[in-house]
Structure formats: C-alpha cells, structure tokens
Amino acid sequence: AAVVVTVLLHPVATTVWVARIVATGALMVLPFVALPDRLRRPA
C-alpha cells in the first residue's frame, strides 16, 4: 500500500525505493513485539 501510494503521488525510482524500505523497516517491529518477554529482553 505504501509503494502504490508513493508511486501514484511521486513516480520516481529513488522515492519508491525509500518508501518500500521505510515501510518494511517500520513493520518489522510487529513480530518483534509479538515475542515472549524472555526472548525480547536479550534481543
């Protein structure tokens, strides 16, 4: 969804690349938060 919105509003390769990276990096928090506390603490 982030990629589609970005490419429709600003169709430039570098912008789309960064939008995909930012969305991917931000959403990696979800499985990390889902970890049990005993595994998340040492991580």
All heavy atoms as atom14 arrays in JSON, in Angstrom:
{
  "sequence": "AAVVVTVLLHPVATTVWVARIVATGALMVLPFVALPDRLRRPA",
  "atom14_mask": [
    [1, 1, 1, 1, 1, 0, 0, 0, 0, 0, 0, 0, 0, 0],
    [1, 1, 1, 1, 1, 0, 0, 0, 0, 0, 0, 0, 0, 0],
    [1, 1, 1, 1, 1, 1, 1, 0, 0, 0, 0, 0, 0, 0],
    [1, 1, 1, 1, 1, 1, 1, 0, 0, 0, 0, 0, 0, 0],
    [1, 1, 1, 1, 1, 1, 1, 0, 0, 0, 0, 0, 0, 0],
    [1, 1, 1, 1, 1, 1, 1, 0, 0, 0, 0, 0, 0, 0],
    [1, 1, 1, 1, 1, 1, 1, 0, 0, 0, 0, 0, 0, 0],
    [1, 1, 1, 1, 1, 1, 1, 1, 0, 0, 0, 0, 0, 0],
    [1, 1, 1, 1, 1, 1, 1, 1, 0, 0, 0, 0, 0, 0],
    [1, 1, 1, 1, 1, 1, 1, 1, 1, 1, 0, 0, 0, 0],
    [1, 1, 1, 1, 1, 1, 1, 0, 0, 0, 0, 0, 0, 0],
    [1, 1, 1, 1, 1, 1, 1, 0, 0, 0, 0, 0, 0, 0],
    [1, 1, 1, 1, 1, 0, 0, 0, 0, 0, 0, 0, 0, 0],
    [1, 1, 1, 1, 1, 1, 1, 0, 0, 0, 0, 0, 0, 0],
    [1, 1, 1, 1, 1, 1, 1, 0, 0, 0, 0, 0, 0, 0],
    [1, 1, 1, 1, 1, 1, 1, 0, 0, 0, 0, 0, 0, 0],
    [1, 1, 1, 1, 1, 1, 1, 1, 1, 1, 1, 1, 1, 1],
    [1, 1, 1, 1, 1, 1, 1, 0, 0, 0, 0, 0, 0, 0],
    [1, 1, 1, 1, 1, 0, 0, 0, 0, 0, 0, 0, 0, 0],
    [1, 1, 1, 1, 1, 1, 1, 1, 1, 1, 1, 0, 0, 0],
    [1, 1, 1, 1, 1, 1, 1, 1, 0, 0, 0, 0, 0, 0],
    [1, 1, 1, 1, 1, 1, 1, 0, 0, 0, 0, 0, 0, 0],
    [1, 1, 1, 1, 1, 0, 0, 0, 0, 0, 0, 0, 0, 0],
    [1, 1, 1, 1, 1, 1, 1, 0, 0, 0, 0, 0, 0, 0],
    [1, 1, 1, 1, 0, 0, 0, 0, 0, 0, 0, 0, 0, 0],
    [1, 1, 1, 1, 1, 0, 0, 0, 0, 0, 0, 0, 0, 0],
    [1, 1, 1, 1, 1, 1, 1, 1, 0, 0, 0, 0, 0, 0],
    [1, 1, 1, 1, 1, 1, 1, 1, 0, 0, 0, 0, 0, 0],
    [1, 1, 1, 1, 1, 1, 1, 0, 0, 0, 0, 0, 0, 0],
    [1, 1, 1, 1, 1, 1, 1, 1, 0, 0, 0, 0, 0, 0],
    [1, 1, 1, 1, 1, 1, 1, 0, 0, 0, 0, 0, 0, 0],
    [1, 1, 1, 1, 1, 1, 1, 1, 1, 1, 1, 0, 0, 0],
    [1, 1, 1, 1, 1, 1, 1, 0, 0, 0, 0, 0, 0, 0],
    [1, 1, 1, 1, 1, 0, 0, 0, 0, 0, 0, 0, 0, 0],
    [1, 1, 1, 1, 1, 1, 1, 1, 0, 0, 0, 0, 0, 0],
    [1, 1, 1, 1, 1, 1, 1, 0, 0, 0, 0, 0, 0, 0],
    [1, 1, 1, 1, 1, 1, 1, 1, 0, 0, 0, 0, 0, 0],
    [1, 1, 1, 1, 1, 1, 1, 1, 1, 1, 1, 0, 0, 0],
    [1, 1, 1, 1, 1, 1, 1, 1, 0, 0, 0, 0, 0, 0],
    [1, 1, 1, 1, 1, 1, 1, 1, 1, 1, 1, 0, 0, 0],
    [1, 1, 1, 1, 1, 1, 1, 1, 1, 1, 1, 0, 0, 0],
    [1, 1, 1, 1, 1, 1, 1, 0, 0, 0, 0, 0, 0, 0],
    [1, 1, 1, 1, 1, 0, 0, 0, 0, 0, 0, 0, 0, 0]
  ],
  "atom14_positions": [
    [[0.84, -1.2, 0.0], [0.0, 0.0, 0.0], [0.87, 1.25, 0.0], [0.58, 2.23, -0.73], [-0.92, -0.01, 1.23], [0.0, 0.0, 0.0], [0.0, 0.0, 0.0], [0.0, 0.0, 0.0], [0.0, 0.0, 0.0], [0.0, 0.0, 0.0], [0.0, 0.0, 0.0], [0.0, 0.0, 0.0], [0.0, 0.0, 0.0], [0.0, 0.0, 0.0]],
    [[1.94, 1.25, 0.79], [2.84, 2.4, 0.82], [3.51, 2.62, -0.53], [3.67, 3.76, -0.99], [3.9, 2.2, 1.91], [0.0, 0.0, 0.0], [0.0, 0.0, 0.0], [0.0, 0.0, 0.0], [0.0, 0.0, 0.0], [0.0, 0.0, 0.0], [0.0, 0.0, 0.0], [0.0, 0.0, 0.0], [0.0, 0.0, 0.0], [0.0, 0.0, 0.0]],
    [[3.89, 1.53, -1.18], [4.53, 1.63, -2.5], [3.55, 2.2, -3.53], [3.91, 3.09, -4.32], [5.04, 0.25, -2.95], [5.47, 0.28, -4.41], [6.21, -0.19, -2.07], [0.0, 0.0, 0.0], [0.0, 0.0, 0.0], [0.0, 0.0, 0.0], [0.0, 0.0, 0.0], [0.0, 0.0, 0.0], [0.0, 0.0, 0.0], [0.0, 0.0, 0.0]],
    [[2.33, 1.71, -3.53], [1.34, 2.18, -4.51], [1.04, 3.66, -4.31], [1.01, 4.44, -5.28], [0.04, 1.35, -4.41], [-1.08, 1.99, -5.23], [0.29, -0.07, -4.9], [0.0, 0.0, 0.0], [0.0, 0.0, 0.0], [0.0, 0.0, 0.0], [0.0, 0.0, 0.0], [0.0, 0.0, 0.0], [0.0, 0.0, 0.0], [0.0, 0.0, 0.0]],
    [[0.82, 4.07, -3.07], [0.53, 5.49, -2.8], [1.7, 6.36, -3.25], [1.52, 7.41, -3.88], [0.25, 5.7, -1.3], [0.19, 7.19, -0.97], [-1.05, 5.03, -0.91], [0.0, 0.0, 0.0], [0.0, 0.0, 0.0], [0.0, 0.0, 0.0], [0.0, 0.0, 0.0], [0.0, 0.0, 0.0], [0.0, 0.0, 0.0], [0.0, 0.0, 0.0]],
    [[2.91, 5.92, -2.95], [4.1, 6.71, -3.31], [4.26, 6.82, -4.82], [4.51, 7.91, -5.35], [5.37, 6.07, -2.71], [5.21, 5.99, -1.29], [6.59, 6.92, -3.02], [0.0, 0.0, 0.0], [0.0, 0.0, 0.0], [0.0, 0.0, 0.0], [0.0, 0.0, 0.0], [0.0, 0.0, 0.0], [0.0, 0.0, 0.0], [0.0, 0.0, 0.0]],
    [[4.12, 5.72, -5.54], [4.35, 5.75, -6.98], [3.24, 6.53, -7.69], [3.48, 7.1, -8.77], [4.47, 4.32, -7.54], [3.11, 3.65, -7.71], [5.21, 4.33, -8.87], [0.0, 0.0, 0.0], [0.0, 0.0, 0.0], [0.0, 0.0, 0.0], [0.0, 0.0, 0.0], [0.0, 0.0, 0.0], [0.0, 0.0, 0.0], [0.0, 0.0, 0.0]],
    [[2.05, 6.57, -7.12], [0.99, 7.36, -7.72], [1.18, 8.86, -7.49], [0.87, 9.68, -8.35], [-0.38, 6.92, -7.16], [-0.84, 5.52, -7.56], [-2.17, 5.19, -6.89], [-0.96, 5.39, -9.08], [0.0, 0.0, 0.0], [0.0, 0.0, 0.0], [0.0, 0.0, 0.0], [0.0, 0.0, 0.0], [0.0, 0.0, 0.0], [0.0, 0.0, 0.0]],
    [[1.7, 9.2, -6.31], [1.88, 10.61, -5.98], [3.2, 11.18, -6.5], [3.27, 12.35, -6.88], [1.82, 10.8, -4.45], [0.48, 10.49, -3.78], [0.58, 10.68, -2.28], [-0.63, 11.38, -4.35], [0.0, 0.0, 0.0], [0.0, 0.0, 0.0], [0.0, 0.0, 0.0], [0.0, 0.0, 0.0], [0.0, 0.0, 0.0], [0.0, 0.0, 0.0]],
    [[4.26, 10.34, -6.48], [5.59, 10.83, -6.87], [6.34, 9.7, -7.56], [7.14, 9.0, -6.95], [6.35, 11.29, -5.63], [7.54, 12.13, -5.94], [8.83, 11.7, -5.74], [7.64, 13.38, -6.46], [9.69, 12.64, -6.1], [8.98, 13.67, -6.53], [0.0, 0.0, 0.0], [0.0, 0.0, 0.0], [0.0, 0.0, 0.0], [0.0, 0.0, 0.0]],
    [[6.1, 9.49, -8.85], [6.68, 8.35, -9.57], [8.15, 8.52, -9.92], [8.53, 8.76, -11.06], [5.81, 8.27, -10.83], [5.35, 9.66, -11.06], [5.17, 10.26, -9.71], [0.0, 0.0, 0.0], [0.0, 0.0, 0.0], [0.0, 0.0, 0.0], [0.0, 0.0, 0.0], [0.0, 0.0, 0.0], [0.0, 0.0, 0.0], [0.0, 0.0, 0.0]],
    [[8.99, 8.42, -8.89], [10.44, 8.5, -9.05], [11.04, 7.27, -8.39], [10.64, 6.91, -7.28], [11.01, 9.79, -8.43], [12.52, 9.83, -8.55], [10.39, 11.02, -9.08], [0.0, 0.0, 0.0], [0.0, 0.0, 0.0], [0.0, 0.0, 0.0], [0.0, 0.0, 0.0], [0.0, 0.0, 0.0], [0.0, 0.0, 0.0], [0.0, 0.0, 0.0]],
    [[12.01, 6.64, -9.05], [12.56, 5.37, -8.57], [13.11, 5.48, -7.15], [12.85, 4.62, -6.3], [13.65, 4.88, -9.52], [0.0, 0.0, 0.0], [0.0, 0.0, 0.0], [0.0, 0.0, 0.0], [0.0, 0.0, 0.0], [0.0, 0.0, 0.0], [0.0, 0.0, 0.0], [0.0, 0.0, 0.0], [0.0, 0.0, 0.0], [0.0, 0.0, 0.0]],
    [[13.89, 6.52, -6.88], [14.51, 6.64, -5.56], [13.46, 6.83, -4.46], [13.6, 6.28, -3.36], [15.49, 7.82, -5.54], [14.81, 9.02, -6.0], [16.68, 7.56, -6.44], [0.0, 0.0, 0.0], [0.0, 0.0, 0.0], [0.0, 0.0, 0.0], [0.0, 0.0, 0.0], [0.0, 0.0, 0.0], [0.0, 0.0, 0.0], [0.0, 0.0, 0.0]],
    [[12.4, 7.57, -4.76], [11.35, 7.79, -3.77], [10.59, 6.5, -3.47], [10.3, 6.18, -2.31], [10.37, 8.86, -4.26], [11.09, 10.03, -4.62], [9.37, 9.22, -3.17], [0.0, 0.0, 0.0], [0.0, 0.0, 0.0], [0.0, 0.0, 0.0], [0.0, 0.0, 0.0], [0.0, 0.0, 0.0], [0.0, 0.0, 0.0], [0.0, 0.0, 0.0]],
    [[10.27, 5.76, -4.52], [9.57, 4.48, -4.33], [10.45, 3.51, -3.56], [9.98, 2.79, -2.67], [9.18, 3.89, -5.69], [8.56, 2.5, -5.52], [8.19, 4.81, -6.41], [0.0, 0.0, 0.0], [0.0, 0.0, 0.0], [0.0, 0.0, 0.0], [0.0, 0.0, 0.0], [0.0, 0.0, 0.0], [0.0, 0.0, 0.0], [0.0, 0.0, 0.0]],
    [[11.73, 3.49, -3.86], [12.68, 2.6, -3.17], [12.7, 2.9, -1.68], [12.61, 2.0, -0.84], [14.06, 2.78, -3.78], [15.15, 1.98, -3.16], [15.27, 0.63, -3.17], [16.29, 2.48, -2.44], [16.42, 0.24, -2.5], [17.07, 1.37, -2.06], [16.74, 3.75, -2.12], [18.25, 1.49, -1.35], [17.92, 3.89, -1.41], [18.66, 2.77, -1.03]],
    [[12.8, 4.18, -1.34], [12.86, 4.57, 0.07], [11.53, 4.31, 0.77], [11.5, 3.88, 1.93], [13.27, 6.05, 0.21], [13.11, 6.53, 1.64], [14.72, 6.23, -0.24], [0.0, 0.0, 0.0], [0.0, 0.0, 0.0], [0.0, 0.0, 0.0], [0.0, 0.0, 0.0], [0.0, 0.0, 0.0], [0.0, 0.0, 0.0], [0.0, 0.0, 0.0]],
    [[10.41, 4.54, 0.07], [9.1, 4.28, 0.67], [8.97, 2.8, 1.04], [8.47, 2.45, 2.12], [7.99, 4.69, -0.29], [0.0, 0.0, 0.0], [0.0, 0.0, 0.0], [0.0, 0.0, 0.0], [0.0, 0.0, 0.0], [0.0, 0.0, 0.0], [0.0, 0.0, 0.0], [0.0, 0.0, 0.0], [0.0, 0.0, 0.0], [0.0, 0.0, 0.0]],
    [[9.4, 1.93, 0.14], [9.35, 0.49, 0.42], [10.24, 0.14, 1.6], [9.86, -0.67, 2.47], [9.77, -0.29, -0.82], [9.76, -1.8, -0.63], [10.19, -2.49, -1.91], [9.16, -2.39, -2.94], [9.37, -2.62, -4.23], [10.59, -2.93, -4.65], [8.37, -2.53, -5.08], [0.0, 0.0, 0.0], [0.0, 0.0, 0.0], [0.0, 0.0, 0.0]],
    [[11.42, 0.73, 1.66], [12.35, 0.44, 2.75], [11.8, 0.91, 4.08], [11.86, 0.2, 5.09], [13.71, 1.12, 2.46], [14.45, 0.35, 1.38], [14.55, 1.21, 3.72], [15.74, 1.01, 0.96], [0.0, 0.0, 0.0], [0.0, 0.0, 0.0], [0.0, 0.0, 0.0], [0.0, 0.0, 0.0], [0.0, 0.0, 0.0], [0.0, 0.0, 0.0]],
    [[11.25, 2.13, 4.11], [10.72, 2.69, 5.37], [9.55, 1.84, 5.87], [9.48, 1.51, 7.06], [10.28, 4.15, 5.16], [9.5, 4.65, 6.38], [11.49, 5.04, 4.92], [0.0, 0.0, 0.0], [0.0, 0.0, 0.0], [0.0, 0.0, 0.0], [0.0, 0.0, 0.0], [0.0, 0.0, 0.0], [0.0, 0.0, 0.0], [0.0, 0.0, 0.0]],
    [[8.64, 1.47, 4.97], [7.5, 0.64, 5.38], [7.97, -0.72, 5.89], [7.49, -1.21, 6.92], [6.53, 0.48, 4.21], [0.0, 0.0, 0.0], [0.0, 0.0, 0.0], [0.0, 0.0, 0.0], [0.0, 0.0, 0.0], [0.0, 0.0, 0.0], [0.0, 0.0, 0.0], [0.0, 0.0, 0.0], [0.0, 0.0, 0.0], [0.0, 0.0, 0.0]],
    [[8.92, -1.32, 5.18], [9.42, -2.63, 5.59], [10.1, -2.57, 6.95], [9.84, -3.4, 7.83], [10.41, -3.17, 4.54], [9.77, -3.25, 3.27], [10.91, -4.55, 4.94], [0.0, 0.0, 0.0], [0.0, 0.0, 0.0], [0.0, 0.0, 0.0], [0.0, 0.0, 0.0], [0.0, 0.0, 0.0], [0.0, 0.0, 0.0], [0.0, 0.0, 0.0]],
    [[10.98, -1.59, 7.12], [11.7, -1.47, 8.39], [10.78, -1.17, 9.56], [10.93, -1.74, 10.65], [0.0, 0.0, 0.0], [0.0, 0.0, 0.0], [0.0, 0.0, 0.0], [0.0, 0.0, 0.0], [0.0, 0.0, 0.0], [0.0, 0.0, 0.0], [0.0, 0.0, 0.0], [0.0, 0.0, 0.0], [0.0, 0.0, 0.0], [0.0, 0.0, 0.0]],
    [[9.78, -0.3, 9.34], [8.86, 0.04, 10.42], [7.99, -1.14, 10.83], [7.76, -1.38, 12.02], [7.99, 1.22, 9.99], [0.0, 0.0, 0.0], [0.0, 0.0, 0.0], [0.0, 0.0, 0.0], [0.0, 0.0, 0.0], [0.0, 0.0, 0.0], [0.0, 0.0, 0.0], [0.0, 0.0, 0.0], [0.0, 0.0, 0.0], [0.0, 0.0, 0.0]],
    [[7.52, -1.91, 9.85], [6.62, -3.02, 10.14], [7.34, -4.24, 10.71], [6.69, -5.17, 11.2], [5.85, -3.41, 8.88], [4.79, -2.38, 8.46], [4.26, -2.69, 7.06], [3.64, -2.35, 9.47], [0.0, 0.0, 0.0], [0.0, 0.0, 0.0], [0.0, 0.0, 0.0], [0.0, 0.0, 0.0], [0.0, 0.0, 0.0], [0.0, 0.0, 0.0]],
    [[8.67, -4.24, 10.67], [9.41, -5.34, 11.3], [9.27, -5.31, 12.82], [9.62, -6.28, 13.5], [10.89, -5.28, 10.92], [11.16, -5.68, 9.48], [12.92, -5.87, 9.12], [13.26, -7.43, 9.93], [0.0, 0.0, 0.0], [0.0, 0.0, 0.0], [0.0, 0.0, 0.0], [0.0, 0.0, 0.0], [0.0, 0.0, 0.0], [0.0, 0.0, 0.0]],
    [[8.73, -4.22, 13.34], [8.51, -4.14, 14.79], [7.41, -5.12, 15.22], [7.43, -5.61, 16.36], [8.11, -2.69, 15.17], [7.7, -2.59, 16.63], [9.27, -1.74, 14.9], [0.0, 0.0, 0.0], [0.0, 0.0, 0.0], [0.0, 0.0, 0.0], [0.0, 0.0, 0.0], [0.0, 0.0, 0.0], [0.0, 0.0, 0.0], [0.0, 0.0, 0.0]],
    [[6.46, -5.41, 14.32], [5.31, -6.24, 14.71], [5.72, -7.62, 15.24], [5.31, -7.99, 16.35], [4.36, -6.38, 13.51], [3.67, -5.09, 13.04], [2.76, -5.39, 11.86], [2.88, -4.47, 14.18], [0.0, 0.0, 0.0], [0.0, 0.0, 0.0], [0.0, 0.0, 0.0], [0.0, 0.0, 0.0], [0.0, 0.0, 0.0], [0.0, 0.0, 0.0]],
    [[6.48, -8.43, 14.49], [6.87, -9.73, 15.04], [7.79, -9.6, 16.25], [7.78, -10.48, 17.13], [7.57, -10.44, 13.87], [7.96, -9.35, 12.94], [6.94, -8.28, 13.1], [0.0, 0.0, 0.0], [0.0, 0.0, 0.0], [0.0, 0.0, 0.0], [0.0, 0.0, 0.0], [0.0, 0.0, 0.0], [0.0, 0.0, 0.0], [0.0, 0.0, 0.0]],
    [[8.56, -8.53, 16.31], [9.44, -8.33, 17.46], [8.62, -8.12, 18.72], [8.91, -8.69, 19.78], [10.37, -7.14, 17.21], [11.48, -7.02, 18.21], [12.66, -7.74, 18.05], [11.36, -6.19, 19.31], [13.69, -7.63, 18.99], [12.38, -6.07, 20.24], [13.55, -6.8, 20.08], [0.0, 0.0, 0.0], [0.0, 0.0, 0.0], [0.0, 0.0, 0.0]],
    [[7.57, -7.31, 18.63], [6.7, -7.06, 19.78], [5.95, -8.32, 20.18], [5.61, -8.53, 21.35], [5.72, -5.91, 19.46], [4.68, -5.75, 20.55], [6.49, -4.6, 19.28], [0.0, 0.0, 0.0], [0.0, 0.0, 0.0], [0.0, 0.0, 0.0], [0.0, 0.0, 0.0], [0.0, 0.0, 0.0], [0.0, 0.0, 0.0], [0.0, 0.0, 0.0]],
    [[5.67, -9.2, 19.19], [4.93, -10.44, 19.47], [5.76, -11.48, 20.21], [5.21, -12.49, 20.65], [4.42, -11.03, 18.16], [0.0, 0.0, 0.0], [0.0, 0.0, 0.0], [0.0, 0.0, 0.0], [0.0, 0.0, 0.0], [0.0, 0.0, 0.0], [0.0, 0.0, 0.0], [0.0, 0.0, 0.0], [0.0, 0.0, 0.0], [0.0, 0.0, 0.0]],
    [[7.06, -11.25, 20.36], [7.92, -12.23, 21.05], [7.57, -12.29, 22.54], [7.18, -11.29, 23.14], [9.39, -11.82, 20.92], [10.06, -12.01, 19.57], [11.46, -11.43, 19.61], [10.1, -13.47, 19.17], [0.0, 0.0, 0.0], [0.0, 0.0, 0.0], [0.0, 0.0, 0.0], [0.0, 0.0, 0.0], [0.0, 0.0, 0.0], [0.0, 0.0, 0.0]],
    [[7.75, -13.46, 23.15], [7.65, -13.53, 24.61], [8.72, -12.65, 25.25], [9.8, -12.45, 24.69], [7.91, -15.01, 24.91], [7.71, -15.73, 23.63], [8.04, -14.77, 22.54], [0.0, 0.0, 0.0], [0.0, 0.0, 0.0], [0.0, 0.0, 0.0], [0.0, 0.0, 0.0], [0.0, 0.0, 0.0], [0.0, 0.0, 0.0], [0.0, 0.0, 0.0]],
    [[8.41, -12.14, 26.42], [9.32, -11.21, 27.09], [10.68, -11.83, 27.34], [11.71, -11.16, 27.25], [8.69, -10.75, 28.4], [9.47, -9.62, 29.05], [9.71, -8.61, 28.36], [9.89, -9.77, 30.21], [0.0, 0.0, 0.0], [0.0, 0.0, 0.0], [0.0, 0.0, 0.0], [0.0, 0.0, 0.0], [0.0, 0.0, 0.0], [0.0, 0.0, 0.0]],
    [[10.73, -13.14, 27.61], [12.01, -13.8, 27.91], [12.93, -13.83, 26.69], [14.15, -14.0, 26.83], [11.78, -15.22, 28.43], [11.05, -16.11, 27.47], [10.71, -17.46, 28.07], [9.85, -18.24, 27.21], [10.29, -18.93, 26.17], [11.58, -18.94, 25.86], [9.44, -19.62, 25.43], [0.0, 0.0, 0.0], [0.0, 0.0, 0.0], [0.0, 0.0, 0.0]],
    [[12.37, -13.72, 25.47], [13.19, -13.67, 24.26], [13.43, -12.23, 23.8], [14.47, -11.94, 23.21], [12.52, -14.46, 23.13], [12.32, -15.96, 23.36], [11.65, -16.59, 22.15], [13.66, -16.63, 23.62], [0.0, 0.0, 0.0], [0.0, 0.0, 0.0], [0.0, 0.0, 0.0], [0.0, 0.0, 0.0], [0.0, 0.0, 0.0], [0.0, 0.0, 0.0]],
    [[12.46, -11.37, 24.05], [12.6, -9.99, 23.61], [13.65, -9.25, 24.43], [14.38, -8.41, 23.91], [11.24, -9.27, 23.69], [11.26, -7.89, 23.06], [9.85, -7.32, 22.9], [9.15, -7.26, 24.17], [8.11, -8.02, 24.49], [7.66, -8.91, 23.62], [7.52, -7.91, 25.67], [0.0, 0.0, 0.0], [0.0, 0.0, 0.0], [0.0, 0.0, 0.0]],
    [[13.75, -9.57, 25.72], [14.72, -8.87, 26.58], [16.15, -9.04, 26.08], [16.86, -8.04, 25.91], [14.59, -9.34, 28.03], [13.47, -8.71, 28.8], [13.69, -8.82, 30.31], [14.04, -10.19, 30.68], [13.15, -11.11, 31.02], [11.88, -10.83, 31.01], [13.54, -12.32, 31.36], [0.0, 0.0, 0.0], [0.0, 0.0, 0.0], [0.0, 0.0, 0.0]],
    [[16.65, -10.26, 25.87], [18.04, -10.38, 25.37], [18.21, -9.81, 23.97], [19.29, -9.35, 23.62], [18.3, -11.89, 25.39], [16.96, -12.53, 25.42], [16.08, -11.59, 26.16], [0.0, 0.0, 0.0], [0.0, 0.0, 0.0], [0.0, 0.0, 0.0], [0.0, 0.0, 0.0], [0.0, 0.0, 0.0], [0.0, 0.0, 0.0], [0.0, 0.0, 0.0]],
    [[17.14, -9.82, 23.15], [17.24, -9.23, 21.82], [17.41, -7.72, 21.88], [17.93, -7.1, 20.94], [16.0, -9.59, 20.99], [0.0, 0.0, 0.0], [0.0, 0.0, 0.0], [0.0, 0.0, 0.0], [0.0, 0.0, 0.0], [0.0, 0.0, 0.0], [0.0, 0.0, 0.0], [0.0, 0.0, 0.0], [0.0, 0.0, 0.0], [0.0, 0.0, 0.0]]
  ]
}
